[in-house]
N, C-alpha and C. Protein backbone atom coordinates (compact mmCIF):
# COMPACT_ATOMS: atom_id res chain seq x y z
N UNK A 1 0.84 -1.18 0.00
CA UNK A 1 0.00 0.00 0.00
C UNK A 1 0.89 1.25 0.00
N UNK A 2 0.62 2.19 -0.89
CA UNK A 2 1.36 3.44 -0.99
C UNK A 2 0.69 4.47 -0.10
N UNK A 3 1.49 5.11 0.72
CA UNK A 3 0.95 6.10 1.66
C UNK A 3 0.65 7.42 0.96
N UNK A 4 -0.36 8.11 1.45
CA UNK A 4 -0.79 9.38 0.89
C UNK A 4 0.32 10.45 0.91
N UNK A 5 1.09 10.61 2.01
CA UNK A 5 2.17 11.63 1.98
C UNK A 5 3.19 11.37 0.87
N UNK A 6 3.51 10.09 0.59
CA UNK A 6 4.44 9.76 -0.48
C UNK A 6 3.90 10.21 -1.82
N UNK A 7 2.62 9.96 -2.06
CA UNK A 7 1.99 10.37 -3.32
C UNK A 7 2.00 11.89 -3.47
N UNK A 8 1.72 12.59 -2.37
CA UNK A 8 1.73 14.05 -2.41
C UNK A 8 3.13 14.57 -2.72
N UNK A 9 4.14 13.97 -2.09
CA UNK A 9 5.51 14.41 -2.31
C UNK A 9 5.92 14.13 -3.77
N UNK A 10 5.57 12.96 -4.28
CA UNK A 10 5.88 12.61 -5.66
C UNK A 10 5.20 13.57 -6.63
N UNK A 11 3.94 13.87 -6.37
CA UNK A 11 3.20 14.80 -7.22
C UNK A 11 3.81 16.19 -7.16
N UNK A 12 4.23 16.63 -5.98
CA UNK A 12 4.84 17.95 -5.84
C UNK A 12 6.17 18.02 -6.59
N UNK A 13 6.99 16.99 -6.49
CA UNK A 13 8.27 16.95 -7.19
C UNK A 13 8.05 16.95 -8.70
N UNK A 14 7.12 16.13 -9.16
CA UNK A 14 6.80 16.07 -10.59
C UNK A 14 6.32 17.43 -11.09
N UNK A 15 5.46 18.09 -10.32
CA UNK A 15 4.95 19.40 -10.73
C UNK A 15 6.08 20.43 -10.78
N UNK A 16 6.98 20.39 -9.81
CA UNK A 16 8.10 21.34 -9.78
C UNK A 16 9.03 21.14 -10.96
N UNK A 17 9.36 19.89 -11.28
CA UNK A 17 10.25 19.60 -12.41
C UNK A 17 9.58 20.01 -13.71
N UNK A 18 8.31 19.69 -13.86
CA UNK A 18 7.57 20.06 -15.07
C UNK A 18 7.53 21.58 -15.23
N UNK A 19 7.29 22.29 -14.15
CA UNK A 19 7.25 23.76 -14.23
C UNK A 19 8.61 24.32 -14.60
N UNK A 20 9.66 23.75 -14.04
CA UNK A 20 11.01 24.22 -14.35
C UNK A 20 11.34 24.00 -15.82
N UNK A 21 10.99 22.85 -16.35
CA UNK A 21 11.28 22.56 -17.76
C UNK A 21 10.43 23.39 -18.70
N UNK A 22 9.22 23.73 -18.31
CA UNK A 22 8.33 24.50 -19.17
C UNK A 22 8.64 25.99 -19.14
N UNK A 23 9.29 26.46 -18.08
CA UNK A 23 9.59 27.88 -17.94
C UNK A 23 10.67 28.28 -18.93
N UNK A 24 10.45 29.32 -19.72
CA UNK A 24 11.47 29.75 -20.68
C UNK A 24 12.73 30.21 -19.96
N UNK A 25 13.85 29.76 -20.43
CA UNK A 25 15.13 30.18 -19.85
C UNK A 25 15.46 31.57 -20.34
N UNK A 26 16.13 32.32 -19.51
CA UNK A 26 16.55 33.66 -19.90
C UNK A 26 17.96 33.57 -20.49
N UNK A 27 18.13 34.14 -21.65
CA UNK A 27 19.46 34.16 -22.25
C UNK A 27 20.34 35.12 -21.45
N UNK A 28 21.58 34.72 -21.19
CA UNK A 28 22.47 35.55 -20.38
C UNK A 28 22.92 36.78 -21.16
N UNK A 29 23.15 36.65 -22.46
CA UNK A 29 23.52 37.81 -23.26
C UNK A 29 22.26 38.62 -23.54
N UNK A 30 22.36 39.89 -23.32
CA UNK A 30 21.21 40.78 -23.45
C UNK A 30 21.41 41.74 -24.62
N UNK A 31 20.32 42.31 -25.13
CA UNK A 31 20.47 43.33 -26.16
C UNK A 31 21.45 44.41 -25.71
N UNK A 32 22.36 44.75 -26.62
CA UNK A 32 23.40 45.73 -26.33
C UNK A 32 24.74 45.08 -26.03
N UNK A 33 24.72 43.81 -25.59
CA UNK A 33 25.98 43.09 -25.34
C UNK A 33 26.68 42.80 -26.67
N UNK A 34 27.99 42.70 -26.62
CA UNK A 34 28.76 42.31 -27.80
C UNK A 34 28.68 40.80 -27.97
N UNK A 35 28.35 40.36 -29.16
CA UNK A 35 28.24 38.92 -29.45
C UNK A 35 29.64 38.32 -29.56
N UNK A 36 29.88 37.20 -28.90
CA UNK A 36 31.18 36.53 -29.06
C UNK A 36 31.39 36.09 -30.51
N UNK A 37 32.57 36.33 -31.02
CA UNK A 37 32.90 35.91 -32.39
C UNK A 37 33.26 34.43 -32.39
N UNK A 38 32.97 33.75 -33.50
CA UNK A 38 33.35 32.35 -33.61
C UNK A 38 33.46 31.94 -35.08
N UNK A 39 34.21 30.88 -35.27
CA UNK A 39 34.34 30.21 -36.57
C UNK A 39 34.01 28.75 -36.30
N UNK A 40 33.37 28.11 -37.27
CA UNK A 40 33.01 26.71 -37.07
C UNK A 40 32.78 26.02 -38.41
N UNK A 41 33.09 24.72 -38.47
CA UNK A 41 32.78 23.96 -39.67
C UNK A 41 31.29 23.61 -39.68
N UNK A 42 30.75 23.51 -40.87
CA UNK A 42 29.34 23.16 -40.96
C UNK A 42 28.95 22.75 -42.36
N UNK A 43 27.66 22.94 -42.65
CA UNK A 43 27.11 22.51 -43.93
C UNK A 43 26.04 23.46 -44.42
N UNK A 44 25.94 23.54 -45.72
CA UNK A 44 24.85 24.23 -46.40
C UNK A 44 24.41 23.31 -47.52
N UNK A 45 23.17 22.89 -47.48
CA UNK A 45 22.63 21.97 -48.48
C UNK A 45 23.47 20.70 -48.60
N UNK A 46 24.01 20.24 -47.46
CA UNK A 46 24.79 19.01 -47.44
C UNK A 46 26.25 19.16 -47.82
N UNK A 47 26.65 20.35 -48.22
CA UNK A 47 28.03 20.60 -48.64
C UNK A 47 28.81 21.28 -47.51
N UNK A 48 30.06 20.86 -47.29
CA UNK A 48 30.86 21.45 -46.20
C UNK A 48 31.11 22.94 -46.41
N UNK A 49 31.05 23.69 -45.33
CA UNK A 49 31.35 25.12 -45.33
C UNK A 49 32.21 25.43 -44.10
N UNK A 50 32.80 26.61 -44.12
CA UNK A 50 33.49 27.12 -42.94
C UNK A 50 32.81 28.43 -42.60
N UNK A 51 32.12 28.45 -41.49
CA UNK A 51 31.38 29.65 -41.08
C UNK A 51 32.27 30.55 -40.23
N UNK A 52 32.17 31.86 -40.49
CA UNK A 52 32.91 32.86 -39.74
C UNK A 52 31.92 33.98 -39.43
N UNK A 53 31.57 34.16 -38.16
CA UNK A 53 30.57 35.16 -37.80
C UNK A 53 31.00 36.57 -38.21
N UNK A 54 32.25 36.92 -38.01
CA UNK A 54 32.71 38.27 -38.37
C UNK A 54 32.49 38.54 -39.86
N UNK A 55 32.82 37.57 -40.72
CA UNK A 55 32.61 37.74 -42.16
C UNK A 55 31.12 37.87 -42.49
N UNK A 56 30.29 37.07 -41.84
CA UNK A 56 28.85 37.13 -42.10
C UNK A 56 28.27 38.48 -41.69
N UNK A 57 28.75 39.02 -40.57
CA UNK A 57 28.23 40.30 -40.09
C UNK A 57 28.61 41.46 -41.01
N UNK A 58 29.68 41.31 -41.78
CA UNK A 58 30.04 42.35 -42.75
C UNK A 58 28.99 42.46 -43.86
N UNK A 59 28.24 41.38 -44.08
CA UNK A 59 27.20 41.36 -45.11
C UNK A 59 25.84 41.79 -44.57
N UNK A 60 25.70 41.83 -43.23
CA UNK A 60 24.43 42.22 -42.62
C UNK A 60 24.19 41.48 -41.32
N UNK A 61 23.06 41.77 -40.68
CA UNK A 61 22.71 41.12 -39.42
C UNK A 61 22.58 39.60 -39.59
N UNK A 62 22.77 38.89 -38.47
CA UNK A 62 22.72 37.43 -38.48
C UNK A 62 21.88 36.94 -37.31
N UNK A 63 21.00 35.99 -37.58
CA UNK A 63 20.34 35.25 -36.50
C UNK A 63 21.21 34.02 -36.25
N UNK A 64 21.71 33.92 -35.02
CA UNK A 64 22.44 32.73 -34.59
C UNK A 64 21.48 31.99 -33.68
N UNK A 65 21.02 30.83 -34.13
CA UNK A 65 20.10 30.08 -33.28
C UNK A 65 20.75 28.76 -32.88
N UNK A 66 20.74 28.53 -31.58
CA UNK A 66 21.27 27.29 -31.00
C UNK A 66 20.13 26.30 -30.86
N UNK A 67 20.41 25.05 -31.21
CA UNK A 67 19.40 24.00 -31.05
C UNK A 67 20.08 22.76 -30.48
N UNK A 68 19.34 21.96 -29.69
CA UNK A 68 19.96 20.83 -29.00
C UNK A 68 20.60 19.78 -29.92
N UNK A 69 19.88 19.26 -30.91
CA UNK A 69 20.45 18.19 -31.72
C UNK A 69 19.66 17.99 -33.02
N UNK A 70 20.41 17.76 -34.09
CA UNK A 70 19.78 17.47 -35.38
C UNK A 70 18.94 16.19 -35.27
N UNK A 71 17.86 16.18 -36.01
CA UNK A 71 16.97 15.02 -36.09
C UNK A 71 16.32 14.66 -34.75
N UNK A 72 15.99 15.69 -33.97
CA UNK A 72 15.16 15.49 -32.79
C UNK A 72 13.89 16.31 -33.01
N UNK A 73 12.83 15.95 -32.35
CA UNK A 73 11.52 16.50 -32.68
C UNK A 73 11.46 18.03 -32.70
N UNK A 74 11.82 18.68 -31.61
CA UNK A 74 11.74 20.14 -31.56
C UNK A 74 12.68 20.81 -32.55
N UNK A 75 13.85 20.22 -32.73
CA UNK A 75 14.85 20.80 -33.64
C UNK A 75 14.41 20.66 -35.09
N UNK A 76 13.75 19.56 -35.40
CA UNK A 76 13.20 19.38 -36.75
C UNK A 76 12.16 20.46 -37.05
N UNK A 77 11.29 20.71 -36.06
CA UNK A 77 10.25 21.73 -36.22
C UNK A 77 10.88 23.11 -36.40
N UNK A 78 11.83 23.43 -35.54
CA UNK A 78 12.46 24.75 -35.59
C UNK A 78 13.19 24.97 -36.91
N UNK A 79 13.95 23.98 -37.36
CA UNK A 79 14.68 24.11 -38.63
C UNK A 79 13.69 24.32 -39.77
N UNK A 80 12.61 23.59 -39.76
CA UNK A 80 11.59 23.74 -40.81
C UNK A 80 11.01 25.15 -40.79
N UNK A 81 10.70 25.66 -39.60
CA UNK A 81 10.14 27.01 -39.49
C UNK A 81 11.12 28.06 -40.01
N UNK A 82 12.41 27.91 -39.68
CA UNK A 82 13.41 28.85 -40.20
C UNK A 82 13.51 28.73 -41.72
N UNK A 83 13.47 27.52 -42.26
CA UNK A 83 13.61 27.37 -43.72
C UNK A 83 12.42 27.97 -44.46
N UNK A 84 11.23 27.83 -43.90
CA UNK A 84 10.03 28.41 -44.51
C UNK A 84 10.09 29.94 -44.49
N UNK A 85 10.67 30.50 -43.43
CA UNK A 85 10.71 31.95 -43.26
C UNK A 85 11.97 32.61 -43.81
N UNK A 86 12.85 31.84 -44.42
CA UNK A 86 14.15 32.39 -44.82
C UNK A 86 14.04 33.59 -45.77
N UNK A 87 13.07 33.58 -46.67
CA UNK A 87 12.91 34.71 -47.58
C UNK A 87 12.52 35.99 -46.83
N UNK A 88 11.74 35.85 -45.77
CA UNK A 88 11.38 37.01 -44.96
C UNK A 88 12.60 37.58 -44.24
N UNK A 89 13.48 36.70 -43.78
CA UNK A 89 14.73 37.18 -43.17
C UNK A 89 15.58 37.91 -44.21
N UNK A 90 15.67 37.32 -45.40
CA UNK A 90 16.48 37.93 -46.46
C UNK A 90 15.95 39.30 -46.85
N UNK A 91 14.63 39.47 -46.85
CA UNK A 91 14.04 40.78 -47.17
C UNK A 91 14.52 41.85 -46.19
N UNK A 92 14.83 41.43 -44.96
CA UNK A 92 15.34 42.34 -43.95
C UNK A 92 16.87 42.37 -43.92
N UNK A 93 17.50 41.70 -44.90
CA UNK A 93 18.96 41.68 -44.98
C UNK A 93 19.62 40.81 -43.93
N UNK A 94 18.86 39.88 -43.36
CA UNK A 94 19.34 39.04 -42.26
C UNK A 94 19.61 37.62 -42.75
N UNK A 95 20.77 37.09 -42.37
CA UNK A 95 21.07 35.68 -42.66
C UNK A 95 20.83 34.86 -41.38
N UNK A 96 20.70 33.55 -41.54
CA UNK A 96 20.40 32.64 -40.43
C UNK A 96 21.47 31.56 -40.38
N UNK A 97 21.92 31.26 -39.16
CA UNK A 97 22.87 30.17 -38.95
C UNK A 97 22.41 29.36 -37.74
N UNK A 98 22.32 28.04 -37.92
CA UNK A 98 22.00 27.15 -36.82
C UNK A 98 23.27 26.58 -36.23
N UNK A 99 23.31 26.45 -34.91
CA UNK A 99 24.49 25.93 -34.21
C UNK A 99 24.04 24.83 -33.26
N UNK A 100 24.72 23.67 -33.33
CA UNK A 100 24.35 22.58 -32.43
C UNK A 100 25.56 21.78 -31.99
N UNK A 101 25.44 21.23 -30.79
CA UNK A 101 26.46 20.33 -30.27
C UNK A 101 25.99 18.88 -30.33
N UNK A 102 24.73 18.68 -30.68
CA UNK A 102 24.15 17.33 -30.67
C UNK A 102 24.00 16.73 -32.05
N UNK A 103 24.33 15.46 -32.18
CA UNK A 103 24.21 14.70 -33.43
C UNK A 103 24.96 15.38 -34.58
N UNK A 104 26.15 15.90 -34.28
CA UNK A 104 26.89 16.64 -35.30
C UNK A 104 27.35 15.75 -36.45
N UNK A 105 27.40 14.45 -36.22
CA UNK A 105 27.76 13.52 -37.29
C UNK A 105 26.68 13.45 -38.37
N UNK A 106 25.50 14.02 -38.10
CA UNK A 106 24.40 13.96 -39.07
C UNK A 106 24.04 15.34 -39.64
N UNK A 107 24.89 16.33 -39.39
CA UNK A 107 24.57 17.70 -39.84
C UNK A 107 24.50 17.85 -41.36
N UNK A 108 25.35 17.17 -42.09
CA UNK A 108 25.30 17.26 -43.55
C UNK A 108 23.93 16.82 -44.05
N UNK A 109 23.48 15.70 -43.56
CA UNK A 109 22.17 15.17 -43.94
C UNK A 109 21.05 16.11 -43.49
N UNK A 110 21.16 16.63 -42.27
CA UNK A 110 20.15 17.54 -41.72
C UNK A 110 20.06 18.82 -42.55
N UNK A 111 21.20 19.37 -42.95
CA UNK A 111 21.20 20.62 -43.71
C UNK A 111 20.57 20.47 -45.09
N UNK A 112 20.67 19.28 -45.65
CA UNK A 112 20.14 19.04 -47.00
C UNK A 112 18.70 18.55 -47.01
N UNK A 113 18.23 18.05 -45.88
CA UNK A 113 16.90 17.45 -45.81
C UNK A 113 15.81 18.44 -46.17
N UNK A 114 14.95 18.06 -47.12
CA UNK A 114 13.85 18.94 -47.53
C UNK A 114 12.79 19.06 -46.44
N UNK A 115 12.81 18.17 -45.46
CA UNK A 115 11.86 18.26 -44.34
C UNK A 115 12.34 19.19 -43.25
N UNK A 116 13.61 19.58 -43.29
CA UNK A 116 14.18 20.37 -42.20
C UNK A 116 14.76 21.67 -42.73
N UNK A 117 16.04 21.75 -42.91
CA UNK A 117 16.71 23.00 -43.34
C UNK A 117 16.49 23.29 -44.82
N UNK A 118 16.27 22.28 -45.60
CA UNK A 118 16.05 22.42 -47.05
C UNK A 118 17.19 23.12 -47.77
N UNK A 119 18.38 23.08 -47.20
CA UNK A 119 19.53 23.72 -47.83
C UNK A 119 19.44 25.23 -47.89
N UNK A 120 18.57 25.83 -47.07
CA UNK A 120 18.34 27.27 -47.15
C UNK A 120 19.19 28.10 -46.20
N UNK A 121 19.81 27.46 -45.22
CA UNK A 121 20.69 28.19 -44.30
C UNK A 121 21.75 27.23 -43.79
N UNK A 122 22.82 27.81 -43.28
CA UNK A 122 23.95 27.02 -42.80
C UNK A 122 23.67 26.48 -41.40
N UNK A 123 24.20 25.30 -41.13
CA UNK A 123 24.20 24.75 -39.77
C UNK A 123 25.64 24.36 -39.46
N UNK A 124 26.08 24.68 -38.25
CA UNK A 124 27.46 24.39 -37.89
C UNK A 124 27.54 23.51 -36.65
N UNK A 125 28.66 22.79 -36.59
CA UNK A 125 28.93 21.87 -35.49
C UNK A 125 29.62 22.60 -34.35
N UNK A 126 29.21 22.27 -33.15
CA UNK A 126 29.76 22.87 -31.94
C UNK A 126 30.14 21.75 -30.95
N UNK A 127 31.17 20.96 -31.29
CA UNK A 127 31.54 19.85 -30.40
C UNK A 127 31.84 20.34 -28.99
N UNK A 128 31.23 19.66 -28.02
CA UNK A 128 31.43 20.03 -26.63
C UNK A 128 30.71 21.31 -26.22
N UNK A 129 29.88 21.85 -27.09
CA UNK A 129 29.09 23.06 -26.82
C UNK A 129 29.97 24.25 -26.43
N UNK A 130 31.14 24.36 -27.04
CA UNK A 130 32.06 25.47 -26.72
C UNK A 130 31.50 26.83 -27.14
N UNK A 131 30.90 26.88 -28.32
CA UNK A 131 30.29 28.14 -28.78
C UNK A 131 29.06 28.45 -27.92
N UNK A 132 28.27 27.43 -27.66
CA UNK A 132 27.08 27.61 -26.81
C UNK A 132 27.46 28.17 -25.45
N UNK A 133 28.58 27.73 -24.90
CA UNK A 133 29.03 28.25 -23.60
C UNK A 133 29.34 29.74 -23.69
N UNK A 134 29.95 30.17 -24.79
CA UNK A 134 30.24 31.59 -24.97
C UNK A 134 28.96 32.43 -24.96
N UNK A 135 27.88 31.85 -25.45
CA UNK A 135 26.59 32.53 -25.55
C UNK A 135 25.65 32.17 -24.39
N UNK A 136 26.17 31.45 -23.42
CA UNK A 136 25.37 30.95 -22.30
C UNK A 136 24.11 30.26 -22.82
N UNK A 137 24.32 29.37 -23.76
CA UNK A 137 23.21 28.66 -24.39
C UNK A 137 23.41 27.15 -24.32
N UNK A 138 23.82 26.66 -23.14
CA UNK A 138 23.96 25.22 -22.98
C UNK A 138 22.70 24.68 -22.32
N UNK A 139 22.39 23.45 -22.60
CA UNK A 139 21.19 22.80 -22.08
C UNK A 139 21.47 22.33 -20.65
N UNK A 140 20.73 22.84 -19.70
CA UNK A 140 20.96 22.54 -18.29
C UNK A 140 20.92 21.04 -18.01
N UNK A 141 19.98 20.34 -18.62
CA UNK A 141 19.84 18.90 -18.36
C UNK A 141 20.86 18.06 -19.10
N UNK A 142 21.52 18.65 -20.09
CA UNK A 142 22.54 17.95 -20.87
C UNK A 142 23.58 18.98 -21.29
N UNK A 143 24.51 19.36 -20.38
CA UNK A 143 25.43 20.47 -20.63
C UNK A 143 26.31 20.34 -21.87
N UNK A 144 26.48 19.16 -22.41
CA UNK A 144 27.27 18.99 -23.63
C UNK A 144 26.49 19.35 -24.88
N UNK A 145 25.23 19.72 -24.74
CA UNK A 145 24.39 20.09 -25.87
C UNK A 145 23.97 21.55 -25.74
N UNK A 146 23.50 22.10 -26.84
CA UNK A 146 23.02 23.48 -26.87
C UNK A 146 21.58 23.55 -26.36
N UNK A 147 21.26 24.65 -25.74
CA UNK A 147 19.88 24.95 -25.39
C UNK A 147 19.22 25.53 -26.65
N UNK A 148 17.93 25.71 -26.62
CA UNK A 148 17.24 26.33 -27.75
C UNK A 148 17.18 27.85 -27.46
N UNK A 149 18.16 28.55 -27.98
CA UNK A 149 18.29 30.00 -27.76
C UNK A 149 18.64 30.67 -29.07
N UNK A 150 17.93 31.75 -29.37
CA UNK A 150 18.17 32.49 -30.61
C UNK A 150 18.63 33.91 -30.29
N UNK A 151 19.58 34.38 -31.09
CA UNK A 151 20.09 35.74 -30.97
C UNK A 151 20.04 36.41 -32.33
N UNK A 152 19.56 37.65 -32.36
CA UNK A 152 19.70 38.48 -33.55
C UNK A 152 20.88 39.40 -33.27
N UNK A 153 21.89 39.32 -34.13
CA UNK A 153 23.10 40.10 -33.97
C UNK A 153 23.16 41.12 -35.11
N UNK A 154 23.31 42.38 -34.74
CA UNK A 154 23.39 43.45 -35.74
C UNK A 154 24.75 43.47 -36.41
N UNK A 155 24.83 44.17 -37.52
CA UNK A 155 26.09 44.30 -38.26
C UNK A 155 27.21 44.89 -37.41
N UNK A 156 26.84 45.61 -36.35
CA UNK A 156 27.82 46.20 -35.44
C UNK A 156 28.35 45.19 -34.42
N UNK A 157 27.88 43.94 -34.50
CA UNK A 157 28.34 42.90 -33.58
C UNK A 157 27.63 42.91 -32.24
N UNK A 158 26.59 43.71 -32.10
CA UNK A 158 25.85 43.80 -30.83
C UNK A 158 24.58 42.95 -30.91
N UNK A 159 24.23 42.35 -29.78
CA UNK A 159 22.98 41.59 -29.68
C UNK A 159 21.83 42.58 -29.78
N UNK A 160 20.90 42.32 -30.68
CA UNK A 160 19.73 43.17 -30.86
C UNK A 160 18.48 42.58 -30.21
N UNK A 161 18.41 41.22 -30.17
CA UNK A 161 17.26 40.55 -29.58
C UNK A 161 17.65 39.12 -29.20
N UNK A 162 16.95 38.58 -28.21
CA UNK A 162 17.17 37.20 -27.79
C UNK A 162 15.83 36.50 -27.59
N UNK A 163 15.88 35.20 -27.71
CA UNK A 163 14.69 34.38 -27.39
C UNK A 163 15.22 33.03 -26.93
N UNK A 164 14.87 32.63 -25.71
CA UNK A 164 15.32 31.36 -25.17
C UNK A 164 14.13 30.61 -24.60
N UNK A 165 13.83 29.46 -25.20
CA UNK A 165 12.70 28.65 -24.79
C UNK A 165 12.88 27.28 -25.43
N UNK A 166 12.68 26.22 -24.66
CA UNK A 166 12.82 24.88 -25.24
C UNK A 166 11.77 24.59 -26.30
N UNK A 167 10.66 25.29 -26.25
CA UNK A 167 9.65 25.12 -27.29
C UNK A 167 10.14 25.85 -28.55
N UNK A 168 10.07 25.19 -29.71
CA UNK A 168 10.53 25.84 -30.94
C UNK A 168 9.53 26.81 -31.54
N UNK A 169 8.36 26.93 -30.98
CA UNK A 169 7.25 27.63 -31.62
C UNK A 169 7.47 29.12 -31.88
N UNK A 170 8.08 29.85 -30.96
CA UNK A 170 8.15 31.31 -31.07
C UNK A 170 9.50 31.85 -31.54
N UNK A 171 10.50 31.00 -31.72
CA UNK A 171 11.83 31.50 -32.08
C UNK A 171 11.83 32.27 -33.40
N UNK A 172 11.25 31.70 -34.41
CA UNK A 172 11.26 32.34 -35.73
C UNK A 172 10.47 33.63 -35.72
N UNK A 173 9.28 33.62 -35.17
CA UNK A 173 8.47 34.84 -35.17
C UNK A 173 9.12 35.93 -34.31
N UNK A 174 9.74 35.55 -33.22
CA UNK A 174 10.44 36.51 -32.37
C UNK A 174 11.61 37.16 -33.11
N UNK A 175 12.38 36.34 -33.80
CA UNK A 175 13.53 36.87 -34.53
C UNK A 175 13.10 37.69 -35.75
N UNK A 176 12.02 37.27 -36.42
CA UNK A 176 11.50 38.06 -37.55
C UNK A 176 10.98 39.42 -37.10
N UNK A 177 10.29 39.43 -35.99
CA UNK A 177 9.79 40.69 -35.46
C UNK A 177 10.94 41.64 -35.14
N UNK A 178 11.96 41.12 -34.50
CA UNK A 178 13.14 41.94 -34.17
C UNK A 178 13.86 42.40 -35.42
N UNK A 179 13.97 41.53 -36.42
CA UNK A 179 14.64 41.87 -37.67
C UNK A 179 13.90 42.99 -38.40
N UNK A 180 12.59 43.00 -38.29
CA UNK A 180 11.79 44.04 -38.93
C UNK A 180 11.98 45.41 -38.30
N UNK A 181 12.56 45.44 -37.10
CA UNK A 181 12.79 46.71 -36.40
C UNK A 181 14.19 47.27 -36.61
N UNK A 182 15.03 46.53 -37.33
CA UNK A 182 16.41 47.00 -37.55
C UNK A 182 16.43 48.19 -38.49
């Protein structure tokens, strides 16, 4: 027989953990902060690239979005949403780059997949979440992976907007709204 206090304690712990996971995380870098520069290997439409944030910023603002791992449910949704909206970002002169520490051995396939990135933006590998650490975008429950955090970085290298939430639903609209205000 299970005692009532045990059930109450279990329910309270479950509710607390669920609330913590559902609560959007706050990105440590705030608008006005200087974005850390980085270079990383990655892919565009399945082809290897070498990404350099400083070079990209010379061409215009950049959305750097961190995602936990290629070919996982939320990341698939988020990549698809960014690929569908890529023309809207381009209209605002903004490029998009995805950064992940998870499943990096599958990034070439992920970048080319018509169900996900559709070859419309670059995705780069972040082994050990080193870049994510610079942006305070590591996943608390799995520190070797990236959290789901998006940054809009202006051509001046300053953070213009942030969005951090494990749910992929609002990242694209949040970044598009901020890009429209540049």
